[in-house]
N, C-alpha and C. Protein backbone atom coordinates (compact mmCIF):
# COMPACT_ATOMS: atom_id res chain seq x y z
N UNK A 1 15.22 5.71 13.73
CA UNK A 1 14.43 5.93 12.52
C UNK A 1 12.95 5.77 12.87
N UNK A 2 12.14 6.70 12.43
CA UNK A 2 10.70 6.63 12.74
C UNK A 2 10.03 5.55 11.89
N UNK A 3 8.93 5.00 12.42
CA UNK A 3 8.25 3.94 11.67
C UNK A 3 7.64 4.47 10.38
N UNK A 4 7.56 3.61 9.39
CA UNK A 4 6.92 3.97 8.12
C UNK A 4 5.42 4.07 8.35
N UNK A 5 4.78 4.93 7.56
CA UNK A 5 3.33 5.14 7.69
C UNK A 5 2.67 5.06 6.32
N UNK A 6 1.54 4.35 6.29
CA UNK A 6 0.69 4.30 5.10
C UNK A 6 -0.62 4.99 5.45
N UNK A 7 -1.07 5.87 4.57
CA UNK A 7 -2.36 6.55 4.72
C UNK A 7 -3.30 6.02 3.64
N UNK A 8 -4.46 5.55 4.07
CA UNK A 8 -5.51 5.09 3.16
C UNK A 8 -6.59 6.15 3.15
N UNK A 9 -6.89 6.72 1.99
CA UNK A 9 -7.94 7.74 1.86
C UNK A 9 -9.01 7.17 0.94
N UNK A 10 -10.11 6.75 1.53
CA UNK A 10 -11.17 6.04 0.80
C UNK A 10 -12.50 6.33 1.50
N UNK A 11 -13.49 6.80 0.74
CA UNK A 11 -14.77 7.14 1.35
C UNK A 11 -15.69 5.95 1.57
N UNK A 12 -15.48 4.85 0.86
CA UNK A 12 -16.32 3.67 1.04
C UNK A 12 -15.73 2.81 2.15
N UNK A 13 -16.50 2.66 3.24
CA UNK A 13 -16.01 1.95 4.44
C UNK A 13 -15.55 0.53 4.11
N UNK A 14 -16.29 -0.16 3.26
CA UNK A 14 -15.95 -1.53 2.92
C UNK A 14 -14.58 -1.62 2.24
N UNK A 15 -14.34 -0.74 1.29
CA UNK A 15 -13.06 -0.77 0.57
C UNK A 15 -11.93 -0.30 1.49
N UNK A 16 -12.21 0.69 2.33
CA UNK A 16 -11.20 1.15 3.29
C UNK A 16 -10.80 -0.01 4.23
N UNK A 17 -11.79 -0.76 4.71
CA UNK A 17 -11.51 -1.91 5.58
C UNK A 17 -10.76 -3.00 4.83
N UNK A 18 -11.12 -3.22 3.57
CA UNK A 18 -10.43 -4.22 2.75
C UNK A 18 -8.96 -3.85 2.55
N UNK A 19 -8.69 -2.58 2.30
CA UNK A 19 -7.31 -2.12 2.16
C UNK A 19 -6.55 -2.28 3.47
N UNK A 20 -7.19 -1.92 4.58
CA UNK A 20 -6.55 -2.09 5.89
C UNK A 20 -6.18 -3.55 6.13
N UNK A 21 -7.13 -4.43 5.83
CA UNK A 21 -6.91 -5.86 6.01
C UNK A 21 -5.78 -6.35 5.09
N UNK A 22 -5.77 -5.87 3.85
CA UNK A 22 -4.74 -6.24 2.88
C UNK A 22 -3.35 -5.85 3.36
N UNK A 23 -3.25 -4.68 3.99
CA UNK A 23 -1.96 -4.14 4.40
C UNK A 23 -1.57 -4.55 5.83
N UNK A 24 -2.46 -5.25 6.51
CA UNK A 24 -2.23 -5.66 7.89
C UNK A 24 -0.88 -6.35 8.13
N UNK A 25 -0.42 -7.24 7.23
CA UNK A 25 0.88 -7.88 7.46
C UNK A 25 2.02 -6.87 7.64
N UNK A 26 1.89 -5.69 7.07
CA UNK A 26 2.93 -4.67 7.21
C UNK A 26 2.99 -4.12 8.63
N UNK A 27 1.86 -4.15 9.34
CA UNK A 27 1.85 -3.68 10.73
C UNK A 27 2.77 -4.55 11.58
N UNK A 28 2.82 -5.83 11.27
CA UNK A 28 3.71 -6.75 11.99
C UNK A 28 5.17 -6.43 11.72
N UNK A 29 5.42 -5.68 10.63
CA UNK A 29 6.78 -5.26 10.28
C UNK A 29 7.06 -3.84 10.79
N UNK A 30 6.14 -3.29 11.59
CA UNK A 30 6.34 -1.98 12.19
C UNK A 30 5.75 -0.82 11.42
N UNK A 31 4.99 -1.08 10.37
CA UNK A 31 4.38 -0.01 9.58
C UNK A 31 3.07 0.41 10.24
N UNK A 32 2.87 1.71 10.35
CA UNK A 32 1.64 2.26 10.92
C UNK A 32 0.66 2.52 9.78
N UNK A 33 -0.60 2.12 9.96
CA UNK A 33 -1.63 2.35 8.95
C UNK A 33 -2.67 3.30 9.53
N UNK A 34 -2.92 4.39 8.79
CA UNK A 34 -3.86 5.42 9.19
C UNK A 34 -4.89 5.56 8.08
N UNK A 35 -6.15 5.84 8.44
CA UNK A 35 -7.19 5.97 7.42
C UNK A 35 -7.92 7.31 7.52
N UNK A 36 -8.47 7.70 6.37
CA UNK A 36 -9.31 8.90 6.28
C UNK A 36 -10.50 8.55 5.38
N UNK A 37 -11.64 9.17 5.66
CA UNK A 37 -12.86 8.82 4.93
C UNK A 37 -13.27 9.80 3.84
N UNK A 38 -12.48 10.85 3.62
CA UNK A 38 -12.72 11.73 2.47
C UNK A 38 -11.44 12.48 2.14
N UNK A 39 -11.45 13.16 1.02
CA UNK A 39 -10.25 13.82 0.53
C UNK A 39 -9.73 14.91 1.44
N UNK A 40 -10.60 15.73 1.98
CA UNK A 40 -10.17 16.82 2.86
C UNK A 40 -9.50 16.27 4.11
N UNK A 41 -10.14 15.28 4.73
CA UNK A 41 -9.56 14.66 5.92
C UNK A 41 -8.22 14.01 5.58
N UNK A 42 -8.15 13.38 4.42
CA UNK A 42 -6.92 12.74 3.99
C UNK A 42 -5.78 13.72 3.82
N UNK A 43 -6.06 14.85 3.20
CA UNK A 43 -5.03 15.87 3.00
C UNK A 43 -4.58 16.45 4.33
N UNK A 44 -5.53 16.73 5.22
CA UNK A 44 -5.17 17.27 6.53
C UNK A 44 -4.30 16.29 7.31
N UNK A 45 -4.66 15.01 7.27
CA UNK A 45 -3.85 13.99 7.94
C UNK A 45 -2.46 13.88 7.31
N UNK A 46 -2.41 13.90 5.99
CA UNK A 46 -1.11 13.82 5.30
C UNK A 46 -0.19 14.95 5.74
N UNK A 47 -0.74 16.15 5.88
CA UNK A 47 0.07 17.29 6.28
C UNK A 47 0.56 17.17 7.72
N UNK A 48 -0.17 16.42 8.55
CA UNK A 48 0.22 16.24 9.95
C UNK A 48 1.21 15.08 10.11
N UNK A 49 0.91 13.94 9.47
CA UNK A 49 1.71 12.73 9.72
C UNK A 49 2.79 12.47 8.68
N UNK A 50 2.77 13.18 7.57
CA UNK A 50 3.76 12.99 6.49
C UNK A 50 3.96 11.51 6.16
N UNK A 51 2.91 10.87 5.63
CA UNK A 51 3.01 9.43 5.36
C UNK A 51 4.06 9.12 4.30
N UNK A 52 4.55 7.89 4.34
CA UNK A 52 5.51 7.44 3.34
C UNK A 52 4.80 7.00 2.07
N UNK A 53 3.57 6.48 2.24
CA UNK A 53 2.80 5.95 1.11
C UNK A 53 1.34 6.30 1.33
N UNK A 54 0.66 6.73 0.26
CA UNK A 54 -0.78 7.05 0.33
C UNK A 54 -1.51 6.27 -0.75
N UNK A 55 -2.57 5.58 -0.35
CA UNK A 55 -3.52 5.00 -1.29
C UNK A 55 -4.70 5.95 -1.34
N UNK A 56 -5.00 6.47 -2.54
CA UNK A 56 -6.02 7.50 -2.70
C UNK A 56 -7.12 7.05 -3.64
N UNK A 57 -8.35 7.06 -3.16
CA UNK A 57 -9.50 6.87 -4.04
C UNK A 57 -9.64 8.15 -4.86
N UNK A 58 -10.28 8.07 -6.01
CA UNK A 58 -10.45 9.26 -6.85
C UNK A 58 -11.72 10.02 -6.49
N UNK A 59 -12.84 9.34 -6.55
CA UNK A 59 -14.13 10.02 -6.37
C UNK A 59 -14.53 9.99 -4.90
N UNK A 60 -14.31 11.15 -4.22
CA UNK A 60 -14.61 11.29 -2.80
C UNK A 60 -15.24 12.64 -2.53
N UNK A 61 -15.95 12.75 -1.40
CA UNK A 61 -16.50 14.04 -1.01
C UNK A 61 -15.40 15.04 -0.65
N UNK A 62 -15.73 16.30 -0.76
CA UNK A 62 -14.91 17.46 -0.38
C UNK A 62 -13.71 17.69 -1.28
N UNK A 63 -12.80 16.74 -1.40
CA UNK A 63 -11.68 16.85 -2.35
C UNK A 63 -11.53 15.51 -3.06
N UNK A 64 -11.31 15.55 -4.36
CA UNK A 64 -11.09 14.30 -5.10
C UNK A 64 -9.67 13.79 -4.83
N UNK A 65 -9.44 12.55 -5.16
CA UNK A 65 -8.10 12.00 -5.03
C UNK A 65 -7.09 12.76 -5.88
N UNK A 66 -7.52 13.22 -7.05
CA UNK A 66 -6.62 14.00 -7.91
C UNK A 66 -6.20 15.29 -7.21
N UNK A 67 -7.17 15.97 -6.57
CA UNK A 67 -6.87 17.23 -5.87
C UNK A 67 -5.93 16.98 -4.69
N UNK A 68 -6.18 15.90 -3.95
CA UNK A 68 -5.32 15.56 -2.82
C UNK A 68 -3.90 15.25 -3.31
N UNK A 69 -3.81 14.46 -4.36
CA UNK A 69 -2.51 14.10 -4.92
C UNK A 69 -1.73 15.35 -5.34
N UNK A 70 -2.38 16.24 -6.05
CA UNK A 70 -1.72 17.47 -6.51
C UNK A 70 -1.25 18.31 -5.32
N UNK A 71 -2.06 18.38 -4.27
CA UNK A 71 -1.68 19.15 -3.08
C UNK A 71 -0.49 18.50 -2.37
N UNK A 72 -0.46 17.18 -2.31
CA UNK A 72 0.67 16.47 -1.71
C UNK A 72 1.94 16.75 -2.51
N UNK A 73 1.84 16.69 -3.82
CA UNK A 73 3.01 16.91 -4.67
C UNK A 73 3.56 18.33 -4.52
N UNK A 74 2.69 19.31 -4.25
CA UNK A 74 3.13 20.71 -4.14
C UNK A 74 3.71 21.04 -2.77
N UNK A 75 3.50 20.16 -1.79
CA UNK A 75 3.94 20.42 -0.42
C UNK A 75 5.37 19.89 -0.22
N UNK A 76 6.34 20.78 0.02
CA UNK A 76 7.73 20.34 0.18
C UNK A 76 7.91 19.33 1.32
N UNK A 77 7.08 19.43 2.35
CA UNK A 77 7.12 18.53 3.50
C UNK A 77 6.74 17.10 3.10
N UNK A 78 6.03 16.95 1.98
CA UNK A 78 5.52 15.65 1.55
C UNK A 78 6.19 15.14 0.28
N UNK A 79 7.32 15.71 -0.10
CA UNK A 79 7.97 15.32 -1.35
C UNK A 79 8.36 13.85 -1.38
N UNK A 80 8.62 13.27 -0.22
CA UNK A 80 9.01 11.85 -0.15
C UNK A 80 7.82 10.90 -0.29
N UNK A 81 6.61 11.41 -0.17
CA UNK A 81 5.41 10.57 -0.12
C UNK A 81 5.12 9.95 -1.48
N UNK A 82 4.94 8.63 -1.48
CA UNK A 82 4.57 7.88 -2.68
C UNK A 82 3.05 7.83 -2.74
N UNK A 83 2.48 8.13 -3.90
CA UNK A 83 1.02 8.16 -4.04
C UNK A 83 0.57 7.13 -5.07
N UNK A 84 -0.41 6.32 -4.66
CA UNK A 84 -1.05 5.38 -5.57
C UNK A 84 -2.53 5.74 -5.66
N UNK A 85 -2.97 6.06 -6.87
CA UNK A 85 -4.39 6.33 -7.12
C UNK A 85 -5.08 4.97 -7.29
N UNK A 86 -6.21 4.81 -6.63
CA UNK A 86 -6.96 3.57 -6.66
C UNK A 86 -8.38 3.92 -7.09
N UNK A 87 -8.79 3.43 -8.26
CA UNK A 87 -10.08 3.85 -8.77
C UNK A 87 -10.78 2.79 -9.60
N UNK A 88 -12.08 2.91 -9.66
CA UNK A 88 -12.89 2.05 -10.53
C UNK A 88 -12.98 2.66 -11.93
N UNK A 89 -12.52 3.89 -12.07
CA UNK A 89 -12.56 4.57 -13.37
C UNK A 89 -11.41 4.07 -14.22
N UNK A 90 -11.72 3.27 -15.22
CA UNK A 90 -10.67 2.67 -16.02
C UNK A 90 -10.29 3.44 -17.27
N UNK A 91 -11.00 4.52 -17.57
CA UNK A 91 -10.74 5.22 -18.82
C UNK A 91 -9.37 5.91 -18.81
N UNK A 92 -8.83 6.07 -19.98
CA UNK A 92 -7.49 6.63 -20.15
C UNK A 92 -7.38 8.04 -19.58
N UNK A 93 -8.47 8.83 -19.66
CA UNK A 93 -8.40 10.20 -19.15
C UNK A 93 -8.14 10.23 -17.64
N UNK A 94 -8.70 9.27 -16.90
CA UNK A 94 -8.47 9.21 -15.45
C UNK A 94 -7.01 8.87 -15.16
N UNK A 95 -6.46 7.97 -15.95
CA UNK A 95 -5.05 7.62 -15.79
C UNK A 95 -4.17 8.83 -16.09
N UNK A 96 -4.47 9.54 -17.15
CA UNK A 96 -3.70 10.73 -17.53
C UNK A 96 -3.79 11.80 -16.45
N UNK A 97 -5.00 11.99 -15.89
CA UNK A 97 -5.17 12.98 -14.84
C UNK A 97 -4.35 12.62 -13.60
N UNK A 98 -4.28 11.33 -13.29
CA UNK A 98 -3.49 10.91 -12.13
C UNK A 98 -2.00 11.18 -12.36
N UNK A 99 -1.53 10.97 -13.58
CA UNK A 99 -0.13 11.26 -13.91
C UNK A 99 0.11 12.77 -13.78
N UNK A 100 -0.79 13.57 -14.30
CA UNK A 100 -0.65 15.03 -14.23
C UNK A 100 -0.68 15.53 -12.79
N UNK A 101 -1.45 14.84 -11.92
CA UNK A 101 -1.54 15.22 -10.52
C UNK A 101 -0.28 14.81 -9.74
N UNK A 102 0.53 13.93 -10.35
CA UNK A 102 1.77 13.53 -9.71
C UNK A 102 1.76 12.17 -9.06
N UNK A 103 0.76 11.35 -9.35
CA UNK A 103 0.71 10.00 -8.76
C UNK A 103 1.84 9.14 -9.30
N UNK A 104 2.34 8.28 -8.45
CA UNK A 104 3.40 7.34 -8.84
C UNK A 104 2.80 6.07 -9.45
N UNK A 105 1.61 5.69 -8.95
CA UNK A 105 0.97 4.46 -9.40
C UNK A 105 -0.52 4.70 -9.62
N UNK A 106 -1.09 3.90 -10.51
CA UNK A 106 -2.52 3.97 -10.84
C UNK A 106 -3.03 2.53 -10.81
N UNK A 107 -3.91 2.23 -9.87
CA UNK A 107 -4.42 0.88 -9.70
C UNK A 107 -5.93 0.86 -9.90
N UNK A 108 -6.39 -0.12 -10.64
CA UNK A 108 -7.83 -0.25 -10.89
C UNK A 108 -8.51 -1.09 -9.81
N UNK A 109 -9.74 -0.71 -9.50
CA UNK A 109 -10.61 -1.52 -8.64
C UNK A 109 -11.43 -2.41 -9.57
N UNK A 110 -11.75 -3.62 -9.19
CA UNK A 110 -11.28 -4.25 -7.96
C UNK A 110 -9.78 -4.55 -8.05
N UNK A 111 -9.10 -4.37 -6.95
CA UNK A 111 -7.65 -4.56 -6.93
C UNK A 111 -7.30 -5.96 -6.44
N UNK A 112 -6.12 -6.39 -6.81
CA UNK A 112 -5.59 -7.67 -6.36
C UNK A 112 -4.87 -7.41 -5.03
N UNK A 113 -5.39 -7.92 -3.91
CA UNK A 113 -4.77 -7.65 -2.61
C UNK A 113 -3.28 -8.02 -2.55
N UNK A 114 -2.90 -9.11 -3.18
CA UNK A 114 -1.49 -9.52 -3.17
C UNK A 114 -0.61 -8.48 -3.86
N UNK A 115 -1.11 -7.92 -4.96
CA UNK A 115 -0.34 -6.90 -5.69
C UNK A 115 -0.24 -5.61 -4.88
N UNK A 116 -1.34 -5.22 -4.22
CA UNK A 116 -1.34 -4.01 -3.39
C UNK A 116 -0.32 -4.15 -2.26
N UNK A 117 -0.34 -5.29 -1.58
CA UNK A 117 0.60 -5.54 -0.49
C UNK A 117 2.04 -5.55 -1.00
N UNK A 118 2.28 -6.23 -2.10
CA UNK A 118 3.63 -6.30 -2.67
C UNK A 118 4.14 -4.92 -3.08
N UNK A 119 3.27 -4.11 -3.68
CA UNK A 119 3.66 -2.76 -4.08
C UNK A 119 4.03 -1.92 -2.87
N UNK A 120 3.19 -1.94 -1.84
CA UNK A 120 3.47 -1.15 -0.64
C UNK A 120 4.77 -1.60 0.00
N UNK A 121 4.96 -2.89 0.13
CA UNK A 121 6.17 -3.44 0.76
C UNK A 121 7.42 -3.03 -0.05
N UNK A 122 7.33 -3.17 -1.37
CA UNK A 122 8.46 -2.82 -2.25
C UNK A 122 8.82 -1.35 -2.12
N UNK A 123 7.83 -0.48 -2.20
CA UNK A 123 8.10 0.95 -2.18
C UNK A 123 8.56 1.45 -0.81
N UNK A 124 8.04 0.85 0.27
CA UNK A 124 8.50 1.24 1.60
C UNK A 124 9.95 0.81 1.81
N UNK A 125 10.32 -0.32 1.29
CA UNK A 125 11.72 -0.78 1.39
C UNK A 125 12.63 0.14 0.58
N UNK A 126 12.17 0.50 -0.60
CA UNK A 126 12.97 1.36 -1.47
C UNK A 126 13.20 2.73 -0.81
N UNK A 127 12.20 3.20 -0.09
CA UNK A 127 12.28 4.52 0.55
C UNK A 127 13.15 4.51 1.81
N UNK A 128 13.52 3.34 2.28
CA UNK A 128 14.32 3.25 3.52
C UNK A 128 15.72 3.79 3.35
């Protein structure tokens, strides 16, 4: 069985590093963590590595998290991929847009690192 992969797509280096650090314990369990710094790069990586779980920022250069999420959902190769939208936009319309784009989870920034780690661990186990 191939190792599980998490893709972090976040344009802010600080938040990307914080997510990597948050998910680091999963690496000890054999999970591979890959990062992208904008939506276009994230989508291209997703199509190559077929991640099991993607954390997607919403407001990014080139493609928004919503656009990346919708593209992942339309790709048969990525049907197994779990998507969590991570955003500072708390308004209901952003949540609704993430649902329409096909996201499984919607998390507000600032996020609770323990909850992010628990969610990733739970969903990766469920997907096994």
